[in-house]
Amino acid sequence: MTSTAVPPASLDDAGPAPETPRAARVPAWLTGDFAKVLAAVLVWNVVLIAVAWLFGPSSPTSEGIPKTGIGSTWSVLAHTYRWDAGNYGEIAQHAYTGSYVPLRAFYPVFPICVWFLQTITFHLLGLLVAGFVVNVVATWLATVALLKIARHFFTGDRAPWLVVAAFLTAPAAFFLHSFYSEAVFCALGFWAYLFALRRQWLWMGVCLIPLTAARITAAVFVGLCFLEFWRAGGWKPRALLNWRLLWFPAAFLGLGAHMVYMKLQTGSATASFTALEGVPAWSYHKFNPDIFATAWSEAKLTAHALLGDVPMTGWTLMSHVLPTIGLVLLLISSVYVFVALRADGIPLALFGIASIVMLTINNNVVSVHRYLLPCLVMYVALVLFAQRRPKLRGVVYAVLYANATIGALIFIRFITGYWAG
């Protein structure tokens, strides 16, 4: 049988070709999560650099400038090198070979990343530039992971991006931009949890191992992933009779490798845990399992400072008031996620509670507002509140604005050499 269809005599007779949708003409990789987040992170970093140039004086207070001299000259990235950044810089350049004992309290993953980048570029990149590149990439990866994590809890497109906004506007978010380990820690922790949500246990383990060599608080992420592993098995005891459970003790191979290295370098495998003993500047660091006594002491001091009974000095504000308020918000967020999500919220809720314990067990809350940055339960809880209370959605935007404003003020303190956590 032959077809009776008659082809047009010319292309003109066929009529105009259908118009290709604009979205179809744009490569998919330019419209995906990785591209969108990268654009947002780059803009965010540019804004922070602009703030540093607009508000940072040409001669910052010498107190916050590391003694190495790096960061003392005003340049595009000099503002990222303040306070503990000097310790990470020293490790990146000389490992733990120096005589400054407190240096051993700082973990090596971020400095190793900086050293590796400088090495493969034949040191064409300076220390600050290498650190900046590492942190931009790590912040990008952390934010992508957080966006994808949010999609496990929220439908639609707006809510997951609000979680991202909550992360990047957190009061301590500028530490992702600074020569600190926050960005690398968040990237490893968030991806480990994302892989746990996806039941990709091998990749979860690959992230957890270096995470435990990045900071001791990695233990709470190991616990979070373990709880997700158990939830995947329906919270049944027999679900733990699975060889993949071995990934969780294996996660501490990173910490073990660090301890072996410290033994070789310093003669003590526990040097990271004892480095601050006998150092007057860090005398407030003391192991104290009575976290309730610590919490009560900090709560009283915060209340007196807010009521004007004690002077609201810079140290009181940054090392007591803001950290205590942050811990209270973390507790509220953890409870709210459990109430709202029930069994599905147990891992995140207990992650928040465990973080509170971990961050107060050393008898103080100094810098805790910085350590709260990886506590993603707070970002999920905020957006969850907006989704369940549509009439109060404006409160969420007000919180984002307030956080960004507070973060900007703390950032200005940081770049000008004043203590900011």
Protein backbone atom coordinates (compact mmCIF):
# COMPACT_ATOMS: atom_id res chain seq x y z
CA MET A 1 0.00 0.00 0.00
CA THR A 2 1.34 3.43 -0.89
CA SER A 3 0.81 6.53 1.13
CA THR A 4 -1.62 9.11 -0.23
CA ALA A 5 0.00 11.95 1.65
CA VAL A 6 1.48 14.54 -0.68
CA PRO A 7 4.56 16.36 0.61
CA PRO A 8 4.62 20.13 0.25
CA ALA A 9 6.19 21.43 -2.93
CA SER A 10 8.61 23.61 -0.96
CA LEU A 11 9.62 24.53 2.58
CA ASP A 12 7.56 27.67 2.30
CA ASP A 13 4.46 25.61 1.68
CA ALA A 14 5.06 23.75 4.94
CA GLY A 15 4.36 26.89 6.98
CA PRO A 16 6.53 28.38 9.78
CA ALA A 17 8.47 25.95 11.93
CA PRO A 18 7.19 25.67 15.51
CA GLU A 19 9.03 28.01 17.85
CA THR A 20 11.49 26.31 20.18
CA PRO A 21 10.66 27.10 23.82
CA ARG A 22 13.22 29.42 25.41
CA ALA A 23 13.97 26.90 28.18
CA ALA A 24 14.77 24.24 25.58
CA ARG A 25 17.37 26.49 23.96
CA VAL A 26 19.28 26.84 27.26
CA PRO A 27 21.61 23.93 28.12
CA ALA A 28 20.19 21.87 30.96
CA TRP A 29 23.37 22.26 33.04
CA LEU A 30 22.80 26.02 33.11
CA THR A 31 19.34 25.65 34.62
CA GLY A 32 20.07 22.91 37.15
CA ASP A 33 20.64 23.14 40.89
CA PHE A 34 24.42 23.24 40.62
CA ALA A 35 24.44 26.19 38.23
CA LYS A 36 21.80 28.18 40.10
CA VAL A 37 23.45 27.64 43.47
CA LEU A 38 26.89 28.48 42.10
CA ALA A 39 25.53 31.80 40.80
CA ALA A 40 23.95 32.55 44.17
CA VAL A 41 27.12 31.65 46.09
CA LEU A 42 29.32 33.75 43.81
CA VAL A 43 27.04 36.77 44.19
CA TRP A 44 26.93 36.22 47.95
CA ASN A 45 30.74 36.20 48.14
CA VAL A 46 31.00 39.31 45.99
CA VAL A 47 28.60 41.10 48.33
CA LEU A 48 30.74 40.18 51.34
CA ILE A 49 33.88 41.42 49.59
CA ALA A 50 32.07 44.66 48.75
CA VAL A 51 30.99 45.09 52.38
CA ALA A 52 34.59 44.53 53.51
CA TRP A 53 35.85 47.18 51.11
CA LEU A 54 33.14 49.68 52.00
CA PHE A 55 33.20 49.35 55.77
CA GLY A 56 36.55 47.82 56.65
CA PRO A 57 39.17 50.43 57.64
CA SER A 58 42.55 50.42 55.95
CA SER A 59 44.25 49.59 59.26
CA PRO A 60 42.17 47.05 61.21
CA THR A 61 42.62 46.65 64.92
CA SER A 62 45.79 44.62 65.38
CA GLU A 63 44.16 42.35 67.95
CA GLY A 64 42.46 40.18 65.36
CA ILE A 65 45.33 39.99 62.87
CA PRO A 66 47.34 36.75 63.05
CA LYS A 67 50.95 37.29 64.12
CA THR A 68 52.24 35.91 60.81
CA GLY A 69 51.46 39.27 59.21
CA ILE A 70 49.23 37.75 56.53
CA GLY A 71 46.08 39.82 56.33
CA SER A 72 47.69 42.92 57.79
CA THR A 73 47.94 44.57 54.38
CA TRP A 74 44.63 45.74 53.01
CA SER A 75 43.76 43.64 49.94
CA VAL A 76 40.74 41.97 48.38
CA LEU A 77 40.90 38.94 50.67
CA ALA A 78 42.83 40.27 53.67
CA HIS A 79 39.57 40.57 55.63
CA THR A 80 39.12 36.78 55.52
CA TYR A 81 42.26 36.23 57.59
CA ARG A 82 41.36 37.13 61.16
CA TRP A 83 41.65 35.42 64.54
CA ASP A 84 41.74 31.62 64.24
CA ALA A 85 42.36 31.87 60.49
CA GLY A 86 46.02 32.30 61.40
CA ASN A 87 46.08 28.86 62.98
CA TYR A 88 44.62 27.23 59.89
CA GLY A 89 47.09 29.16 57.74
CA GLU A 90 50.01 27.97 59.85
CA ILE A 91 48.87 24.34 59.50
CA ALA A 92 48.47 24.76 55.73
CA GLN A 93 52.04 26.06 55.45
CA HIS A 94 53.95 24.16 58.14
CA ALA A 95 51.62 21.40 59.38
CA TYR A 96 52.02 20.92 63.15
CA THR A 97 55.79 21.34 63.23
CA GLY A 98 55.78 24.67 65.08
CA SER A 99 56.27 25.16 68.80
CA TYR A 100 52.87 26.82 69.33
CA VAL A 101 51.02 24.08 71.23
CA PRO A 102 47.43 25.45 70.92
CA LEU A 103 47.75 25.00 67.15
CA ARG A 104 47.17 21.29 67.71
CA ALA A 105 43.56 21.96 68.73
CA PHE A 106 42.71 22.81 65.12
CA TYR A 107 41.84 19.96 62.80
CA PRO A 108 43.58 19.46 59.44
CA VAL A 109 41.03 18.84 56.66
CA PHE A 110 40.54 22.46 55.60
CA PRO A 111 44.28 23.30 55.78
CA ILE A 112 45.06 20.14 53.79
CA CYS A 113 42.64 21.26 51.06
CA VAL A 114 44.37 24.65 50.92
CA TRP A 115 47.84 23.05 50.84
CA PHE A 116 46.76 20.61 48.12
CA LEU A 117 45.35 23.39 45.92
CA GLN A 118 48.52 25.42 46.30
CA THR A 119 50.64 22.37 45.51
CA ILE A 120 48.83 21.35 42.33
CA THR A 121 48.95 24.96 41.11
CA PHE A 122 52.70 25.12 41.83
CA HIS A 123 52.01 27.84 44.43
CA LEU A 124 50.78 30.24 41.78
CA LEU A 125 47.88 30.80 44.16
CA GLY A 126 48.69 32.57 47.40
CA LEU A 127 47.46 31.28 50.73
CA LEU A 128 44.42 33.57 50.89
CA VAL A 129 43.39 32.96 47.29
CA ALA A 130 43.70 29.20 47.71
CA GLY A 131 41.62 29.35 50.89
CA PHE A 132 39.02 31.48 49.16
CA VAL A 133 38.73 29.06 46.23
CA VAL A 134 38.40 26.09 48.60
CA ASN A 135 35.69 27.87 50.56
CA VAL A 136 33.75 28.99 47.48
CA VAL A 137 33.70 25.43 46.15
CA ALA A 138 32.84 23.99 49.58
CA THR A 139 30.06 26.55 50.17
CA TRP A 140 28.68 25.78 46.71
CA LEU A 141 28.64 22.03 47.38
CA ALA A 142 27.20 22.47 50.87
CA THR A 143 24.40 24.68 49.57
CA VAL A 144 23.56 22.30 46.72
CA ALA A 145 23.32 19.44 49.21
CA LEU A 146 21.14 21.52 51.53
CA LEU A 147 18.80 22.39 48.64
CA LYS A 148 18.43 18.73 47.76
CA ILE A 149 17.95 17.79 51.42
CA ALA A 150 15.17 20.37 51.67
CA ARG A 151 13.36 18.70 48.76
CA HIS A 152 13.03 15.60 50.91
CA PHE A 153 10.91 17.60 53.34
CA PHE A 154 9.13 20.13 51.15
CA THR A 155 7.19 20.11 47.92
CA GLY A 156 7.22 22.91 45.40
CA ASP A 157 10.16 25.09 44.45
CA ARG A 158 9.99 28.01 46.88
CA ALA A 159 10.36 26.20 50.21
CA PRO A 160 13.70 24.46 49.42
CA TRP A 161 15.19 27.76 48.28
CA LEU A 162 13.99 29.40 51.48
CA VAL A 163 16.03 26.79 53.37
CA VAL A 164 19.05 27.87 51.31
CA ALA A 165 18.28 31.51 52.09
CA ALA A 166 18.12 30.70 55.81
CA PHE A 167 21.57 29.10 55.59
CA LEU A 168 23.26 31.93 53.68
CA THR A 169 21.68 34.64 55.86
CA ALA A 170 22.52 32.97 59.17
CA PRO A 171 24.35 35.40 61.50
CA ALA A 172 27.55 33.33 61.32
CA ALA A 173 27.34 32.50 57.60
CA PHE A 174 30.22 34.83 56.79
CA PHE A 175 32.57 32.24 58.30
CA LEU A 176 31.91 30.22 55.14
CA HIS A 177 33.62 33.07 53.31
CA SER A 178 36.48 33.45 55.79
CA PHE A 179 39.68 31.42 56.13
CA TYR A 180 37.97 28.97 58.48
CA SER A 181 36.89 25.34 58.24
CA GLU A 182 33.12 25.95 58.34
CA ALA A 183 32.50 25.61 54.60
CA VAL A 184 34.37 22.31 54.23
CA PHE A 185 32.71 20.92 57.36
CA CYS A 186 29.22 21.84 56.12
CA ALA A 187 29.91 20.41 52.66
CA LEU A 188 31.01 17.03 54.02
CA GLY A 189 28.27 16.89 56.65
CA PHE A 190 25.41 17.94 54.37
CA TRP A 191 26.40 15.54 51.61
CA ALA A 192 26.76 12.69 54.10
CA TYR A 193 23.20 13.32 55.29
CA LEU A 194 21.90 13.70 51.73
CA PHE A 195 23.42 10.35 50.77
CA ALA A 196 21.81 8.83 53.88
CA LEU A 197 18.42 10.19 52.80
CA ARG A 198 19.02 8.64 49.38
CA ARG A 199 20.09 5.33 51.01
CA GLN A 200 23.50 5.59 49.31
CA TRP A 201 25.43 4.27 52.28
CA LEU A 202 28.78 3.89 50.51
CA TRP A 203 28.93 7.55 49.53
CA MET A 204 27.67 8.53 52.96
CA GLY A 205 30.63 6.72 54.50
CA VAL A 206 33.04 8.32 52.07
CA CYS A 207 31.90 11.73 53.35
CA LEU A 208 31.82 10.81 57.03
CA ILE A 209 35.41 9.56 57.18
CA PRO A 210 37.09 12.90 56.35
CA LEU A 211 34.38 14.70 58.31
CA THR A 212 35.59 13.18 61.59
CA ALA A 213 39.05 14.56 60.82
CA ALA A 214 37.60 18.02 60.24
CA ARG A 215 36.14 18.67 63.70
CA ILE A 216 35.23 16.62 66.76
CA THR A 217 31.57 17.70 66.45
CA ALA A 218 31.41 15.47 63.37
CA ALA A 219 30.13 12.88 65.84
CA VAL A 220 26.66 14.45 65.69
CA PHE A 221 26.54 14.00 61.90
CA VAL A 222 27.56 10.37 62.32
CA GLY A 223 24.66 10.04 64.75
CA LEU A 224 22.28 11.81 62.35
CA CYS A 225 23.18 9.45 59.51
CA PHE A 226 22.88 6.44 61.82
CA LEU A 227 19.38 7.50 62.85
CA GLU A 228 18.45 7.91 59.18
CA PHE A 229 19.85 4.42 58.54
CA TRP A 230 17.64 3.05 61.31
CA ARG A 231 14.61 5.01 60.10
CA ALA A 232 15.11 3.47 56.65
CA GLY A 233 14.65 0.12 58.35
CA GLY A 234 11.39 1.18 59.98
CA TRP A 235 13.01 1.63 63.41
CA LYS A 236 13.08 -2.16 63.77
CA PRO A 237 15.95 -3.70 65.79
CA ARG A 238 16.57 -6.31 63.12
CA ALA A 239 17.19 -3.51 60.63
CA LEU A 240 20.50 -2.97 62.43
CA LEU A 241 21.61 -6.49 61.53
CA ASN A 242 23.05 -5.23 58.29
CA TRP A 243 26.69 -5.11 57.26
CA ARG A 244 26.23 -1.49 56.14
CA LEU A 245 26.00 -0.59 59.82
CA LEU A 246 29.80 -0.91 59.82
CA TRP A 247 30.03 2.40 57.98
CA PHE A 248 29.32 4.23 61.23
CA PRO A 249 32.26 2.98 63.28
CA ALA A 250 34.34 3.19 60.08
CA ALA A 251 33.50 6.91 59.94
CA PHE A 252 35.94 7.48 62.80
CA LEU A 253 38.83 6.25 60.70
CA GLY A 254 39.32 9.89 59.80
CA LEU A 255 39.75 10.86 63.42
CA GLY A 256 41.97 7.83 63.94
CA ALA A 257 44.22 8.83 61.06
CA HIS A 258 44.50 12.32 62.51
CA MET A 259 45.44 10.91 65.92
CA VAL A 260 48.12 8.71 64.35
CA TYR A 261 49.51 11.73 62.53
CA MET A 262 49.51 13.75 65.75
CA LYS A 263 51.39 10.93 67.45
CA LEU A 264 54.05 11.06 64.75
CA GLN A 265 54.23 14.85 64.77
CA THR A 266 53.96 15.65 68.46
CA GLY A 267 54.49 12.37 70.30
CA SER A 268 50.92 12.34 71.62
CA ALA A 269 47.92 10.88 69.80
CA THR A 270 45.61 12.96 72.00
CA ALA A 271 47.42 16.23 71.40
CA SER A 272 44.31 17.78 69.81
CA PHE A 273 42.31 17.15 72.98
CA THR A 274 44.91 18.47 75.41
CA ALA A 275 46.35 21.35 73.38
CA LEU A 276 44.48 24.05 75.31
CA GLU A 277 45.35 22.81 78.77
CA GLY A 278 47.33 25.40 80.71
CA VAL A 279 46.79 28.14 78.10
CA PRO A 280 45.42 31.20 79.96
CA ALA A 281 43.63 32.61 76.90
CA TRP A 282 41.56 29.43 76.62
CA SER A 283 41.20 28.61 80.28
CA TYR A 284 37.40 28.57 79.95
CA HIS A 285 37.64 25.29 77.99
CA LYS A 286 37.13 22.57 80.60
CA PHE A 287 35.39 19.26 80.14
CA ASN A 288 32.19 19.39 82.18
CA PRO A 289 29.46 16.78 81.56
CA ASP A 290 27.03 18.80 83.69
CA ILE A 291 25.62 20.67 80.70
CA PHE A 292 22.60 21.83 82.72
CA ALA A 293 24.84 23.81 85.05
CA THR A 294 26.56 25.39 82.04
CA ALA A 295 23.23 26.19 80.39
CA TRP A 296 21.82 27.72 83.58
CA SER A 297 24.92 29.85 84.13
CA GLU A 298 24.84 31.14 80.55
CA ALA A 299 21.09 31.75 80.68
CA LYS A 300 21.45 33.86 83.84
CA LEU A 301 24.29 35.90 82.37
CA THR A 302 22.35 36.45 79.16
CA ALA A 303 19.23 37.54 81.04
CA HIS A 304 21.19 40.00 83.20
CA ALA A 305 22.91 41.43 80.12
CA LEU A 306 19.63 41.86 78.23
CA LEU A 307 18.01 43.50 81.27
CA GLY A 308 20.96 45.87 81.71
CA ASP A 309 22.06 44.46 85.06
CA VAL A 310 25.55 43.79 83.67
CA PRO A 311 27.36 45.75 80.93
CA MET A 312 26.74 44.48 77.41
CA THR A 313 30.39 44.40 76.37
CA GLY A 314 31.56 43.02 73.05
CA TRP A 315 32.77 39.84 74.74
CA THR A 316 29.49 39.38 76.62
CA LEU A 317 27.47 39.84 73.45
CA MET A 318 29.57 37.64 71.18
CA SER A 319 30.57 34.91 73.64
CA HIS A 320 27.52 34.60 75.86
CA VAL A 321 24.36 36.34 74.66
CA LEU A 322 24.30 35.41 70.96
CA PRO A 323 25.46 31.81 71.53
CA THR A 324 22.86 31.29 74.26
CA ILE A 325 20.07 32.68 72.11
CA GLY A 326 21.25 30.42 69.30
CA LEU A 327 21.13 27.34 71.54
CA VAL A 328 17.60 28.22 72.66
CA LEU A 329 16.51 28.54 69.03
CA LEU A 330 18.16 25.21 68.24
CA LEU A 331 16.23 23.55 71.05
CA ILE A 332 12.95 25.08 69.87
CA SER A 333 13.68 24.04 66.28
CA SER A 334 14.45 20.46 67.30
CA VAL A 335 11.24 20.12 69.29
CA TYR A 336 9.19 21.73 66.52
CA VAL A 337 10.57 19.41 63.82
CA PHE A 338 9.71 16.39 65.96
CA VAL A 339 6.17 17.64 66.64
CA ALA A 340 5.57 18.56 62.99
CA LEU A 341 7.14 15.55 61.28
CA ARG A 342 6.74 12.87 63.94
CA ALA A 343 8.81 9.76 63.12
CA ASP A 344 10.28 11.33 60.00
CA GLY A 345 11.60 14.18 62.11
CA ILE A 346 13.29 12.07 64.78
CA PRO A 347 16.77 12.04 63.17
CA LEU A 348 16.90 15.83 62.74
CA ALA A 349 15.35 16.49 66.14
CA LEU A 350 17.84 14.27 67.98
CA PHE A 351 20.63 15.75 65.87
CA GLY A 352 19.70 19.15 67.26
CA ILE A 353 19.58 17.90 70.85
CA ALA A 354 22.90 16.08 70.47
CA SER A 355 24.44 19.27 69.05
CA ILE A 356 23.37 21.18 72.16
CA VAL A 357 25.07 18.59 74.36
CA MET A 358 28.21 18.54 72.22
CA LEU A 359 28.50 22.33 72.18
CA THR A 360 28.09 22.84 75.92
CA ILE A 361 30.06 19.91 77.32
CA ASN A 362 33.26 21.98 77.53
CA ASN A 363 31.83 24.30 80.20
CA ASN A 364 31.22 27.34 77.96
CA VAL A 365 29.36 28.57 74.88
CA VAL A 366 32.08 30.75 73.36
CA SER A 367 31.86 30.68 69.54
CA VAL A 368 28.78 28.46 69.66
CA HIS A 369 26.87 30.74 67.27
CA ARG A 370 29.54 29.80 64.70
CA TYR A 371 29.31 26.11 65.51
CA LEU A 372 25.53 26.28 65.02
CA LEU A 373 26.00 27.00 61.31
CA PRO A 374 25.96 23.30 60.28
CA CYS A 375 22.80 22.65 62.36
CA LEU A 376 20.46 22.38 59.38
CA VAL A 377 17.52 21.45 61.59
CA MET A 378 17.13 25.18 62.33
CA TYR A 379 16.72 26.05 58.65
CA VAL A 380 14.27 23.22 58.04
CA ALA A 381 12.23 24.18 61.11
CA LEU A 382 11.96 27.82 60.04
CA VAL A 383 10.61 26.97 56.58
CA LEU A 384 8.44 24.19 57.97
CA PHE A 385 6.81 26.78 60.22
CA ALA A 386 6.10 28.99 57.19
CA GLN A 387 4.58 26.09 55.28
CA ARG A 388 2.32 25.00 58.12
CA ARG A 389 1.33 28.56 59.10
CA PRO A 390 0.78 30.39 55.79
CA LYS A 391 -0.72 33.42 57.54
CA LEU A 392 2.53 33.86 59.49
CA ARG A 393 4.81 33.47 56.48
CA GLY A 394 5.83 37.10 56.82
CA VAL A 395 7.50 36.23 60.12
CA VAL A 396 9.91 33.97 58.27
CA TYR A 397 10.97 36.74 55.90
CA ALA A 398 11.38 39.04 58.89
CA VAL A 399 13.66 36.45 60.52
CA LEU A 400 15.75 36.17 57.35
CA TYR A 401 16.10 39.94 57.23
CA ALA A 402 16.99 40.17 60.92
CA ASN A 403 19.55 37.39 60.60
CA ALA A 404 21.18 39.05 57.60
CA THR A 405 21.35 42.36 59.44
CA ILE A 406 22.88 40.80 62.56
CA GLY A 407 25.28 38.82 60.39
CA ALA A 408 26.39 42.00 58.59
CA LEU A 409 27.13 43.73 61.88
CA ILE A 410 29.11 40.76 63.19
CA PHE A 411 30.97 40.55 59.88
CA ILE A 412 32.02 44.18 60.18
CA ARG A 413 33.33 43.42 63.67
CA PHE A 414 35.26 40.49 62.28
CA ILE A 415 36.93 42.31 59.38
CA THR A 416 37.94 45.19 61.61
CA GLY A 417 39.72 42.87 64.02
CA TYR A 418 37.21 42.70 66.85
CA TRP A 419 36.19 39.38 68.37
CA ALA A 420 33.26 37.86 66.48
CA GLY A 421 33.31 34.22 67.53
